[in-house]
Structures are given as structure tokens and as C-alpha cells.
C-alpha atoms as a PDB file:
ATOM      1  CA  UNK A   1      90.547  68.551 113.106  1.00  0.00           C
ATOM      2  CA  UNK A   2      90.328  71.379 115.847  1.00  0.00           C
ATOM      3  CA  UNK A   3      91.710  74.594 115.075  1.00  0.00           C
ATOM      4  CA  UNK A   4      94.942  75.584 117.571  1.00  0.00           C
ATOM      5  CA  UNK A   5      96.680  78.852 118.058  1.00  0.00           C
ATOM      6  CA  UNK A   6      99.496  77.971 116.422  1.00  0.00           C
ATOM      7  CA  UNK A   7      97.945  77.144 113.477  1.00  0.00           C
ATOM      8  CA  UNK A   8      96.889  80.748 113.004  1.00  0.00           C
ATOM      9  CA  UNK A   9      99.827  82.016 113.992  1.00  0.00           C
ATOM     10  CA  UNK A  10     101.444  80.328 111.376  1.00  0.00           C
ATOM     11  CA  UNK A  11      98.987  81.619 108.735  1.00  0.00           C
ATOM     12  CA  UNK A  12      99.858  85.130 110.085  1.00  0.00           C
ATOM     13  CA  UNK A  13     103.485  84.629 109.836  1.00  0.00           C
ATOM     14  CA  UNK A  14     103.292  83.364 106.006  1.00  0.00           C
ATOM     15  CA  UNK A  15     100.890  85.860 105.039  1.00  0.00           C
ATOM     16  CA  UNK A  16     103.092  88.538 106.467  1.00  0.00           C
ATOM     17  CA  UNK A  17     106.696  87.259 104.982  1.00  0.00           C
ATOM     18  CA  UNK A  18     105.468  85.530 101.915  1.00  0.00           C
ATOM     19  CA  UNK A  19     107.714  82.859 102.055  1.00  0.00           C
ATOM     20  CA  UNK A  20     107.945  79.672 104.085  1.00  0.00           C
ATOM     21  CA  UNK A  21     111.906  80.044 104.849  1.00  0.00           C
ATOM     22  CA  UNK A  22     111.071  83.653 106.419  1.00  0.00           C
ATOM     23  CA  UNK A  23     107.927  82.572 108.528  1.00  0.00           C
ATOM     24  CA  UNK A  24     109.873  79.491 109.956  1.00  0.00           C
ATOM     25  CA  UNK A  25     112.652  81.748 111.290  1.00  0.00           C
ATOM     26  CA  UNK A  26     110.432  84.105 112.601  1.00  0.00           C
ATOM     27  CA  UNK A  27     108.406  81.466 114.193  1.00  0.00           C
ATOM     28  CA  UNK A  28     111.449  79.193 115.202  1.00  0.00           C
ATOM     29  CA  UNK A  29     110.457  76.046 113.600  1.00  0.00           C
ATOM     30  CA  UNK A  30     111.270  74.315 110.787  1.00  0.00           C
ATOM     31  CA  UNK A  31     110.341  74.973 107.039  1.00  0.00           C
ATOM     32  CA  UNK A  32     108.629  71.532 106.597  1.00  0.00           C
ATOM     33  CA  UNK A  33     106.831  72.358 110.128  1.00  0.00           C
ATOM     34  CA  UNK A  34     105.468  75.500 109.092  1.00  0.00           C
ATOM     35  CA  UNK A  35     104.067  73.626 105.631  1.00  0.00           C
ATOM     36  CA  UNK A  36     102.602  70.783 107.724  1.00  0.00           C
ATOM     37  CA  UNK A  37     100.996  73.047 110.071  1.00  0.00           C
ATOM     38  CA  UNK A  38      99.193  75.175 106.930  1.00  0.00           C
ATOM     39  CA  UNK A  39      98.117  72.032 105.031  1.00  0.00           C
ATOM     40  CA  UNK A  40      96.428  71.260 108.376  1.00  0.00           C
ATOM     41  CA  UNK A  41      94.777  74.299 108.619  1.00  0.00           C
ATOM     42  CA  UNK A  42      93.700  74.349 104.979  1.00  0.00           C
ATOM     43  CA  UNK A  43      91.974  70.974 105.103  1.00  0.00           C
ATOM     44  CA  UNK A  44      90.232  71.753 108.470  1.00  0.00           C
ATOM     45  CA  UNK A  45      88.574  74.842 106.782  1.00  0.00           C
ATOM     46  CA  UNK A  46      88.360  73.034 103.185  1.00  0.00           C
ATOM     47  CA  UNK A  47      89.755  75.835 101.738  1.00  0.00           C
ATOM     48  CA  UNK A  48      93.595  76.665  99.844  1.00  0.00           C
ATOM     49  CA  UNK A  49      94.961  79.622 101.692  1.00  0.00           C
ATOM     50  CA  UNK A  50      97.996  80.145 100.046  1.00  0.00           C
ATOM     51  CA  UNK A  51      99.032  79.936  96.135  1.00  0.00           C
ATOM     52  CA  UNK A  52     102.603  78.442  96.343  1.00  0.00           C
ATOM     53  CA  UNK A  53     104.907  79.234  93.568  1.00  0.00           C
ATOM     54  CA  UNK A  54     108.600  78.271  93.449  1.00  0.00           C
ATOM     55  CA  UNK A  55     109.541  82.027  94.064  1.00  0.00           C
ATOM     56  CA  UNK A  56     106.796  83.197  96.406  1.00  0.00           C
ATOM     57  CA  UNK A  57     103.831  82.644  98.305  1.00  0.00           C
ATOM     58  CA  UNK A  58     100.576  84.727  97.787  1.00  0.00           C
ATOM     59  CA  UNK A  59      97.579  84.550  99.875  1.00  0.00           C
ATOM     60  CA  UNK A  60      94.098  83.368  98.227  1.00  0.00           C
ATOM     61  CA  UNK A  61      90.802  85.425  99.092  1.00  0.00           C
ATOM     62  CA  UNK A  62      89.847  82.980 101.582  1.00  0.00           C
ATOM     63  CA  UNK A  63      93.596  83.178 103.049  1.00  0.00           C
ATOM     64  CA  UNK A  64      93.614  86.800 103.308  1.00  0.00           C
ATOM     65  CA  UNK A  65      90.466  87.000 105.343  1.00  0.00           C
ATOM     66  CA  UNK A  66      91.194  84.471 107.576  1.00  0.00           C
ATOM     67  CA  UNK A  67      94.403  85.841 108.234  1.00  0.00           C
ATOM     68  CA  UNK A  68      92.770  89.145 109.263  1.00  0.00           C
ATOM     69  CA  UNK A  69      90.542  87.452 111.440  1.00  0.00           C
ATOM     70  CA  UNK A  70      93.794  85.086 112.698  1.00  0.00           C
ATOM     71  CA  UNK A  71      95.252  88.458 113.697  1.00  0.00           C
ATOM     72  CA  UNK A  72      92.236  89.961 115.427  1.00  0.00           C
ATOM     73  CA  UNK A  73      91.878  86.878 117.755  1.00  0.00           C
ATOM     74  CA  UNK A  74      95.587  86.333 118.394  1.00  0.00           C
ATOM     75  CA  UNK A  75      96.069  90.151 119.025  1.00  0.00           C
ATOM     76  CA  UNK A  76      93.109  90.257 121.739  1.00  0.00           C
ATOM     77  CA  UNK A  77      94.280  87.071 123.074  1.00  0.00           C
ATOM     78  CA  UNK A  78      97.935  88.152 123.870  1.00  0.00           C
ATOM     79  CA  UNK A  79      96.381  91.218 125.442  1.00  0.00           C
ATOM     80  CA  UNK A  80      94.093  89.388 127.733  1.00  0.00           C
ATOM     81  CA  UNK A  81      97.296  87.321 128.958  1.00  0.00           C
ATOM     82  CA  UNK A  82      99.401  90.321 129.188  1.00  0.00           C
ATOM     83  CA  UNK A  83      96.697  91.974 131.488  1.00  0.00           C
ATOM     84  CA  UNK A  84      96.271  88.873 133.182  1.00  0.00           C
ATOM     85  CA  UNK A  85     100.108  88.507 134.153  1.00  0.00           C
ATOM     86  CA  UNK A  86     100.346  92.053 134.857  1.00  0.00           C
ATOM     87  CA  UNK A  87     103.004  92.768 131.904  1.00  0.00           C
ATOM     88  CA  UNK A  88     103.901  95.917 131.271  1.00  0.00           C
ATOM     89  CA  UNK A  89     101.359  97.730 128.903  1.00  0.00           C
ATOM     90  CA  UNK A  90     103.297  97.825 125.552  1.00  0.00           C
ATOM     91  CA  UNK A  91     102.286 100.078 122.956  1.00  0.00           C
ATOM     92  CA  UNK A  92     102.499  98.505 119.378  1.00  0.00           C
ATOM     93  CA  UNK A  93     103.448 100.977 116.702  1.00  0.00           C
ATOM     94  CA  UNK A  94     103.218  99.413 113.299  1.00  0.00           C
ATOM     95  CA  UNK A  95     104.948 100.825 110.376  1.00  0.00           C
ATOM     96  CA  UNK A  96     105.687  99.460 106.758  1.00  0.00           C
ATOM     97  CA  UNK A  97     109.364 100.456 105.685  1.00  0.00           C
ATOM     98  CA  UNK A  98     110.778 103.594 107.363  1.00  0.00           C
ATOM     99  CA  UNK A  99     109.198 103.955 111.123  1.00  0.00           C
ATOM    100  CA  UNK A 100     110.351 107.603 111.988  1.00  0.00           C
ATOM    101  CA  UNK A 101     113.715 108.057 109.916  1.00  0.00           C
ATOM    102  CA  UNK A 102     116.044 109.755 111.750  1.00  0.00           C
ATOM    103  CA  UNK A 103     113.557 110.493 114.359  1.00  0.00           C
ATOM    104  CA  UNK A 104     113.374 107.045 115.301  1.00  0.00           C
ATOM    105  CA  UNK A 105     115.790 106.090 118.071  1.00  0.00           C
ATOM    106  CA  UNK A 106     115.549 109.510 120.106  1.00  0.00           C
ATOM    107  CA  UNK A 107     111.898 109.181 119.926  1.00  0.00           C
ATOM    108  CA  UNK A 108     111.740 105.658 121.580  1.00  0.00           C
ATOM    109  CA  UNK A 109     114.739 106.239 123.876  1.00  0.00           C
ATOM    110  CA  UNK A 110     112.776 109.531 125.335  1.00  0.00           C
ATOM    111  CA  UNK A 111     109.407 107.728 125.528  1.00  0.00           C
ATOM    112  CA  UNK A 112     110.773 104.533 126.967  1.00  0.00           C
ATOM    113  CA  UNK A 113     112.659 106.527 129.376  1.00  0.00           C
ATOM    114  CA  UNK A 114     110.022 108.458 130.741  1.00  0.00           C
ATOM    115  CA  UNK A 115     106.936 106.036 130.567  1.00  0.00           C
ATOM    116  CA  UNK A 116     108.741 102.850 131.810  1.00  0.00           C
ATOM    117  CA  UNK A 117     105.644 101.328 132.302  1.00  0.00           C
ATOM    118  CA  UNK A 118     104.222 102.155 129.041  1.00  0.00           C
ATOM    119  CA  UNK A 119     106.826 101.239 126.505  1.00  0.00           C
ATOM    120  CA  UNK A 120     107.077 101.837 122.765  1.00  0.00           C
ATOM    121  CA  UNK A 121     107.384  98.952 120.383  1.00  0.00           C
ATOM    122  CA  UNK A 122     107.851  99.130 116.838  1.00  0.00           C
ATOM    123  CA  UNK A 123     106.228  96.305 114.349  1.00  0.00           C
ATOM    124  CA  UNK A 124     107.181  96.336 110.745  1.00  0.00           C
ATOM    125  CA  UNK A 125     104.165  95.078 108.871  1.00  0.00           C
ATOM    126  CA  UNK A 126     104.133  95.981 104.991  1.00  0.00           C
ATOM    127  CA  UNK A 127     100.412  97.240 104.353  1.00  0.00           C
ATOM    128  CA  UNK A 128      99.284 100.706 103.893  1.00  0.00           C
ATOM    129  CA  UNK A 129      97.569 100.458 107.278  1.00  0.00           C
ATOM    130  CA  UNK A 130     100.735  98.705 109.383  1.00  0.00           C
ATOM    131  CA  UNK A 131      98.590  96.225 110.912  1.00  0.00           C
ATOM    132  CA  UNK A 132      96.031  98.802 112.120  1.00  0.00           C
ATOM    133  CA  UNK A 133      92.477  97.434 110.314  1.00  0.00           C
ATOM    134  CA  UNK A 134      93.876  93.748 111.770  1.00  0.00           C
ATOM    135  CA  UNK A 135      94.226  94.890 115.383  1.00  0.00           C
ATOM    136  CA  UNK A 136      97.896  93.766 115.138  1.00  0.00           C
ATOM    137  CA  UNK A 137      99.110  97.248 116.328  1.00  0.00           C
ATOM    138  CA  UNK A 138      97.531 100.225 118.487  1.00  0.00           C
ATOM    139  CA  UNK A 139      98.741 103.001 116.528  1.00  0.00           C
ATOM    140  CA  UNK A 140     100.660 103.382 113.145  1.00  0.00           C
ATOM    141  CA  UNK A 141     102.900 105.627 111.210  1.00  0.00           C
ATOM    142  CA  UNK A 142     101.834 105.938 107.580  1.00  0.00           C
ATOM    143  CA  UNK A 143     102.289 108.347 105.182  1.00  0.00           C
ATOM    144  CA  UNK A 144      99.445 107.644 102.834  1.00  0.00           C
ATOM    145  CA  UNK A 145      96.737 110.655 102.725  1.00  0.00           C
ATOM    146  CA  UNK A 146      93.825 108.600 102.087  1.00  0.00           C
ATOM    147  CA  UNK A 147      93.118 105.871 104.300  1.00  0.00           C
ATOM    148  CA  UNK A 148      90.420 103.377 105.039  1.00  0.00           C
ATOM    149  CA  UNK A 149      87.090 104.992 106.797  1.00  0.00           C
ATOM    150  CA  UNK A 150      87.555 103.027 110.051  1.00  0.00           C
ATOM    151  CA  UNK A 151      90.871 104.863 110.925  1.00  0.00           C
ATOM    152  CA  UNK A 152      91.740 108.036 111.742  1.00  0.00           C
ATOM    153  CA  UNK A 153      95.357 110.332 111.611  1.00  0.00           C
ATOM    154  CA  UNK A 154      97.018 113.170 112.732  1.00  0.00           C
ATOM    155  CA  UNK A 155      99.769 114.711 110.711  1.00  0.00           C
ATOM    156  CA  UNK A 156     102.911 114.802 113.140  1.00  0.00           C
ATOM    157  CA  UNK A 157     105.758 115.927 110.395  1.00  0.00           C
ATOM    158  CA  UNK A 158     106.627 116.179 106.772  1.00  0.00           C
ATOM    159  CA  UNK A 159     109.785 114.555 104.787  1.00  0.00           C
ATOM    160  CA  UNK A 160     111.165 115.610 101.694  1.00  0.00           C
ATOM    161  CA  UNK A 161     111.266 113.366  98.889  1.00  0.00           C
ATOM    162  CA  UNK A 162     114.681 111.634  97.497  1.00  0.00           C
ATOM    163  CA  UNK A 163     115.450 109.693  94.547  1.00  0.00           C
ATOM    164  CA  UNK A 164     116.983 106.182  95.222  1.00  0.00           C
ATOM    165  CA  UNK A 165     119.222 105.586  92.884  1.00  0.00           C
ATOM    166  CA  UNK A 166     122.126 102.660  91.872  1.00  0.00           C
ATOM    167  CA  UNK A 167     125.685 104.370  93.068  1.00  0.00           C
ATOM    168  CA  UNK A 168     126.866 104.472  89.266  1.00  0.00           C
ATOM    169  CA  UNK A 169     123.529 106.276  87.779  1.00  0.00           C
ATOM    170  CA  UNK A 170     124.092 109.188  85.717  1.00  0.00           C
ATOM    171  CA  UNK A 171     121.987 111.134  88.430  1.00  0.00           C
ATOM    172  CA  UNK A 172     123.847 109.496  91.551  1.00  0.00           C
ATOM    173  CA  UNK A 173     126.576 112.545  91.864  1.00  0.00           C
ATOM    174  CA  UNK A 174     124.015 115.494  91.680  1.00  0.00           C
ATOM    175  CA  UNK A 175     123.327 117.481  94.644  1.00  0.00           C
ATOM    176  CA  UNK A 176     119.620 117.285  93.878  1.00  0.00           C
ATOM    177  CA  UNK A 177     117.673 116.271  90.716  1.00  0.00           C
ATOM    178  CA  UNK A 178     114.019 117.446  89.341  1.00  0.00           C
ATOM    179  CA  UNK A 179     110.906 115.533  88.505  1.00  0.00           C
ATOM    180  CA  UNK A 180     111.572 115.761  85.057  1.00  0.00           C
ATOM    181  CA  UNK A 181     115.039 114.101  85.151  1.00  0.00           C
ATOM    182  CA  UNK A 182     113.523 111.026  86.307  1.00  0.00           C
ATOM    183  CA  UNK A 183     111.156 110.074  83.238  1.00  0.00           C
ATOM    184  CA  UNK A 184     113.465 108.207  81.521  1.00  0.00           C
ATOM    185  CA  UNK A 185     114.321 105.454  83.661  1.00  0.00           C
ATOM    186  CA  UNK A 186     111.320 103.159  85.094  1.00  0.00           C
ATOM    187  CA  UNK A 187     110.826 103.532  88.926  1.00  0.00           C
ATOM    188  CA  UNK A 188     110.087 100.909  91.478  1.00  0.00           C
ATOM    189  CA  UNK A 189     107.253 100.843  94.033  1.00  0.00           C
ATOM    190  CA  UNK A 190     106.098  98.661  96.467  1.00  0.00           C
ATOM    191  CA  UNK A 191     102.922  97.127  95.320  1.00  0.00           C
ATOM    192  CA  UNK A 192     101.524  96.903  99.281  1.00  0.00           C
ATOM    193  CA  UNK A 193     102.775  99.994 100.876  1.00  0.00           C
ATOM    194  CA  UNK A 194     104.696 102.525  98.340  1.00  0.00           C
ATOM    195  CA  UNK A 195     103.823 106.199  98.292  1.00  0.00           C
ATOM    196  CA  UNK A 196     104.710 106.898  94.527  1.00  0.00           C
ATOM    197  CA  UNK A 197     102.221 107.414  91.875  1.00  0.00           C
ATOM    198  CA  UNK A 198     102.178 108.943  88.413  1.00  0.00           C
ATOM    199  CA  UNK A 199     100.055 111.610  89.718  1.00  0.00           C
ATOM    200  CA  UNK A 200     103.686 112.835  91.185  1.00  0.00           C
ATOM    201  CA  UNK A 201     104.383 113.795  87.779  1.00  0.00           C
ATOM    202  CA  UNK A 202     101.327 114.393  86.098  1.00  0.00           C
ATOM    203  CA  UNK A 203     100.004 116.826  88.623  1.00  0.00           C
ATOM    204  CA  UNK A 204     102.713 119.328  87.409  1.00  0.00           C
ATOM    205  CA  UNK A 205     102.322 118.759  83.908  1.00  0.00           C
ATOM    206  CA  UNK A 206     105.068 116.023  83.274  1.00  0.00           C
ATOM    207  CA  UNK A 207     104.606 112.977  81.578  1.00  0.00           C
ATOM    208  CA  UNK A 208     105.066 110.258  84.345  1.00  0.00           C
ATOM    209  CA  UNK A 209     107.742 107.358  83.853  1.00  0.00           C
ATOM    210  CA  UNK A 210     106.862 103.644  83.821  1.00  0.00           C
ATOM    211  CA  UNK A 211     106.409 102.063  87.025  1.00  0.00           C
ATOM    212  CA  UNK A 212     107.510  98.670  88.093  1.00  0.00           C
ATOM    213  CA  UNK A 213     106.449  96.790  90.956  1.00  0.00           C
ATOM    214  CA  UNK A 214     108.491  95.067  94.074  1.00  0.00           C
ATOM    215  CA  UNK A 215     106.737  92.835  96.511  1.00  0.00           C
ATOM    216  CA  UNK A 216     108.532  94.654  99.735  1.00  0.00           C
ATOM    217  CA  UNK A 217     111.150  97.322 100.577  1.00  0.00           C
ATOM    218  CA  UNK A 218     113.709  94.645 100.302  1.00  0.00           C
ATOM    219  CA  UNK A 219     113.051  93.650  96.900  1.00  0.00           C
ATOM    220  CA  UNK A 220     112.810  97.363  96.287  1.00  0.00           C
ATOM    221  CA  UNK A 221     116.143  97.925  97.417  1.00  0.00           C
ATOM    222  CA  UNK A 222     117.550  95.223  95.338  1.00  0.00           C
ATOM    223  CA  UNK A 223     115.761  96.013  92.058  1.00  0.00           C
ATOM    224  CA  UNK A 224     117.765  99.705  92.505  1.00  0.00           C
ATOM    225  CA  UNK A 225     120.806  98.435  93.336  1.00  0.00           C
ATOM    226  CA  UNK A 226     121.330  96.146  90.727  1.00  0.00           C
ATOM    227  CA  UNK A 227     120.239  99.229  88.241  1.00  0.00           C
ATOM    228  CA  UNK A 228     116.937  97.373  86.924  1.00  0.00           C
ATOM    229  CA  UNK A 229     115.010 100.593  88.202  1.00  0.00           C
ATOM    230  CA  UNK A 230     115.350 103.854  90.460  1.00  0.00           C
ATOM    231  CA  UNK A 231     112.566 105.010  92.893  1.00  0.00           C
ATOM    232  CA  UNK A 232     111.117 107.622  94.589  1.00  0.00           C
ATOM    233  CA  UNK A 233     110.548 107.726  98.293  1.00  0.00           C
ATOM    234  CA  UNK A 234     110.770 109.633 101.643  1.00  0.00           C
ATOM    235  CA  UNK A 235     114.198 110.646 103.267  1.00  0.00           C
ATOM    236  CA  UNK A 236     113.412 108.522 105.900  1.00  0.00           C
ATOM    237  CA  UNK A 237     113.860 105.556 103.567  1.00  0.00           C
ATOM    238  CA  UNK A 238     117.636 106.959 103.487  1.00  0.00           C
ATOM    239  CA  UNK A 239     118.203 106.985 107.520  1.00  0.00           C
ATOM    240  CA  UNK A 240     116.246 103.866 108.376  1.00  0.00           C
ATOM    241  CA  UNK A 241     117.255 101.520 105.230  1.00  0.00           C
ATOM    242  CA  UNK A 242     120.788 102.251 104.079  1.00  0.00           C
ATOM    243  CA  UNK A 243     121.799  99.820 101.271  1.00  0.00           C
ATOM    244  CA  UNK A 244     125.317  99.256  99.572  1.00  0.00           C
ATOM    245  CA  UNK A 245     125.021 100.434  96.066  1.00  0.00           C
ATOM    246  CA  UNK A 246     122.159 102.698  96.295  1.00  0.00           C
ATOM    247  CA  UNK A 247     122.378 106.479  96.933  1.00  0.00           C
ATOM    248  CA  UNK A 248     119.595 109.065  97.799  1.00  0.00           C
ATOM    249  CA  UNK A 249     119.527 112.460  96.284  1.00  0.00           C
ATOM    250  CA  UNK A 250     116.822 115.186  97.187  1.00  0.00           C
ATOM    251  CA  UNK A 251     114.090 115.916  94.814  1.00  0.00           C
ATOM    252  CA  UNK A 252     114.266 119.637  94.603  1.00  0.00           C
ATOM    253  CA  UNK A 253     110.687 120.377  93.089  1.00  0.00           C
ATOM    254  CA  UNK A 254     108.707 117.412  94.737  1.00  0.00           C
ATOM    255  CA  UNK A 255     106.256 118.387  97.376  1.00  0.00           C
ATOM    256  CA  UNK A 256     107.144 116.930 100.753  1.00  0.00           C
ATOM    257  CA  UNK A 257     105.415 113.629 102.326  1.00  0.00           C
ATOM    258  CA  UNK A 258     102.908 113.968 104.983  1.00  0.00           C
ATOM    259  CA  UNK A 259     103.735 111.722 108.130  1.00  0.00           C
ATOM    260  CA  UNK A 260     100.719 110.637 109.909  1.00  0.00           C
ATOM    261  CA  UNK A 261     100.057 108.659 113.143  1.00  0.00           C
ATOM    262  CA  UNK A 262      96.963 106.785 112.499  1.00  0.00           C
ATOM    263  CA  UNK A 263      94.982 104.891 115.003  1.00  0.00           C
ATOM    264  CA  UNK A 264      91.206 102.792 114.530  1.00  0.00           C
ATOM    265  CA  UNK A 265      88.381 105.359 115.329  1.00  0.00           C
ATOM    266  CA  UNK A 266      86.815 102.514 117.341  1.00  0.00           C
ATOM    267  CA  UNK A 267      89.466 102.221 119.790  1.00  0.00           C
ATOM    268  CA  UNK A 268      91.987 105.101 119.968  1.00  0.00           C
ATOM    269  CA  UNK A 269      94.778 104.207 122.292  1.00  0.00           C
ATOM    270  CA  UNK A 270      94.582 106.507 125.505  1.00  0.00           C
ATOM    271  CA  UNK A 271      98.454 107.515 124.896  1.00  0.00           C
ATOM    272  CA  UNK A 272      97.988 108.446 121.333  1.00  0.00           C
ATOM    273  CA  UNK A 273      97.758 112.227 121.917  1.00  0.00           C
ATOM    274  CA  UNK A 274     100.947 112.147 123.805  1.00  0.00           C
ATOM    275  CA  UNK A 275     103.068 110.075 121.517  1.00  0.00           C
ATOM    276  CA  UNK A 276     101.958 112.383 118.810  1.00  0.00           C
ATOM    277  CA  UNK A 277     102.915 115.434 120.388  1.00  0.00           C
ATOM    278  CA  UNK A 278     106.650 113.903 121.183  1.00  0.00           C
ATOM    279  CA  UNK A 279     106.828 112.816 117.522  1.00  0.00           C
ATOM    280  CA  UNK A 280     105.848 116.112 116.020  1.00  0.00           C
ATOM    281  CA  UNK A 281     108.608 117.988 118.494  1.00  0.00           C
ATOM    282  CA  UNK A 282     111.171 115.632 117.134  1.00  0.00           C
ATOM    283  CA  UNK A 283     110.100 116.898 113.559  1.00  0.00           C
ATOM    284  CA  UNK A 284     109.652 120.206 114.714  1.00  0.00           C
ATOM    285  CA  UNK A 285     113.341 120.166 115.872  1.00  0.00           C
ATOM    286  CA  UNK A 286     114.426 119.824 112.367  1.00  0.00           C
ATOM    287  CA  UNK A 287     111.718 122.273 110.974  1.00  0.00           C
ATOM    288  CA  UNK A 288     109.548 119.830 109.258  1.00  0.00           C
ATOM    289  CA  UNK A 289     106.521 119.774 111.231  1.00  0.00           C
ATOM    290  CA  UNK A 290     103.155 121.174 111.041  1.00  0.00           C
ATOM    291  CA  UNK A 291     101.556 123.520 113.474  1.00  0.00           C
ATOM    292  CA  UNK A 292      98.962 122.893 116.017  1.00  0.00           C
ATOM    293  CA  UNK A 293      96.376 124.672 113.948  1.00  0.00           C
ATOM    294  CA  UNK A 294      97.332 121.855 110.729  1.00  0.00           C
ATOM    295  CA  UNK A 295      96.694 118.534 113.199  1.00  0.00           C
ATOM    296  CA  UNK A 296      95.261 117.440 109.473  1.00  0.00           C
ATOM    297  CA  UNK A 297      92.909 114.830 110.845  1.00  0.00           C
ATOM    298  CA  UNK A 298      91.633 112.366 108.290  1.00  0.00           C
END
């Protein structure tokens, strides 16, 4: 069997969604067709690409490798086709879970109004680099200070950390909480893109709470809403992903999270500087941006 582009797009969708049902919805295919296409690809390459369980789909090592290649190939092809067709040069910005929080809409509307030939499109990809390494996006909004060496970044803003709590939690009615207040409860962390580590407590001499892991931000919110855990996140999550049954309370003594605009060092998008300035201006209006002398490149 010869590999076709549709097989690669199925692999990418299953790898992103970790669910045949969600991948099928995304691709506009039946679940059975997705399963058949992936099985055909596995036969063609002679390797199992996904571990199937009754609850979840997880990539094997060959699956992770091939999915990365598939993203780069399809991204390059899509860009080439758009160029030949004369399509608008859409700027794809990846993010893992919260985009730009309260500033997302204002930044998008202002940029797209002023640059109709180069509109921004947000792409949600749940990984630490939000799709940059795979070539799936041109730029990415990230909240991790340490990134792979292939990437560079610039600080565009800072955000308060908040506690995500079940609505009936003993701390839910507080105006603010301290890090020490959170230690009796398990803290849920997204295993692929979460920003919370035990160092947040240990760096201040506080014994860290136990951590429990979620597969993505939706599962993270479900754990908290059900009362099975609490969370620590950026205030952007409260704006971008409000959830019934979950309240967000500021953590008064936690350091802020740095928001970065990142790009691949080998092919930085020509609009990245202008976009960084636009985002920084939005955070500046809220008083949460670094100065020009604090660009924070990494």
C-alpha cells in the first residue's frame, strides 16, 4: 500500500485528540473509517503506532516519531498549496490551553482588522511547545521558561497564579489564598503542558502537596469540578476556560507566570516582532508586561 496524505492527517488527528471519536469529529469521518485508515498506515509501515485501550489512545514511540514527521510534511504542503492558490498568508499561533486569556479577543480583533492580508488564527495543541517543533504553527504562546534549544522566545506579559477549586471547597469563598493553604489537597497537573511543579512550594521552604496527573485541560477541569483535586494555574485559564463547578482564587504569595511568544530559531516568522509588540501592549494596559529592557529572550 502506498502512503497517502489522508493517512497522515488521520495519524495527526488521533495523536492530537488521543481518541478515535474526537479525531473522527475533527476530520468529518466516521470512527470506523478513522480506525481503518490508521490500521492501514500501521500495516504499511510495519509497526504499531497507537496503543488502544477502552478509555484512551496513546502513541507508541514509532507513532510519536511518525506523527511529528507527518505534521511537518502536511504543514509544508498546506503552505505551498495556499501560496499557489494566492490565499491570504494566515499566521498560525499555537497555544496549549489559555491563549492570551482576557486579552485574546482584543489582540485578535485589532490585529486582523489592521492586517487583513495576514490574519492570525489560533491553533490549540496540547504540548509544551504548542506545535512549534512539528511545524504545525508559525508562532506559539507558551508559559514555560525552559524550552527546547530549537526554539527562541520573548516575554510579552506576566499573569497572576490562581488556585482552581471545586465550588464547595473550604477555600472557595476566600478573596485570596497562600501557597501553604493548598498543601493538604492533591494538585492536578496536565502531564503534557502543565506549568505547576513541586518547586513552586519547595523554593519557598514549604512542603509540596501531592500531584496527580491529567491527560489534558478538559480532564484537569473535570477532576477539579468533581472535587477529586485542586489546581494551580494562570489567571488566563479563568478567562479562557471558565467551567461550572470550578472557582478561581488568586494566590497572594505565588510568583507570576511569564507569558512568552515563541518561534523556531531556524525560521522566525517576519511578523513575530510586530505581534509581540501588539501582545505586549495589551498586557501593558493591564499593568502586567515587562519593559522593553526586559525582553527575556530564551
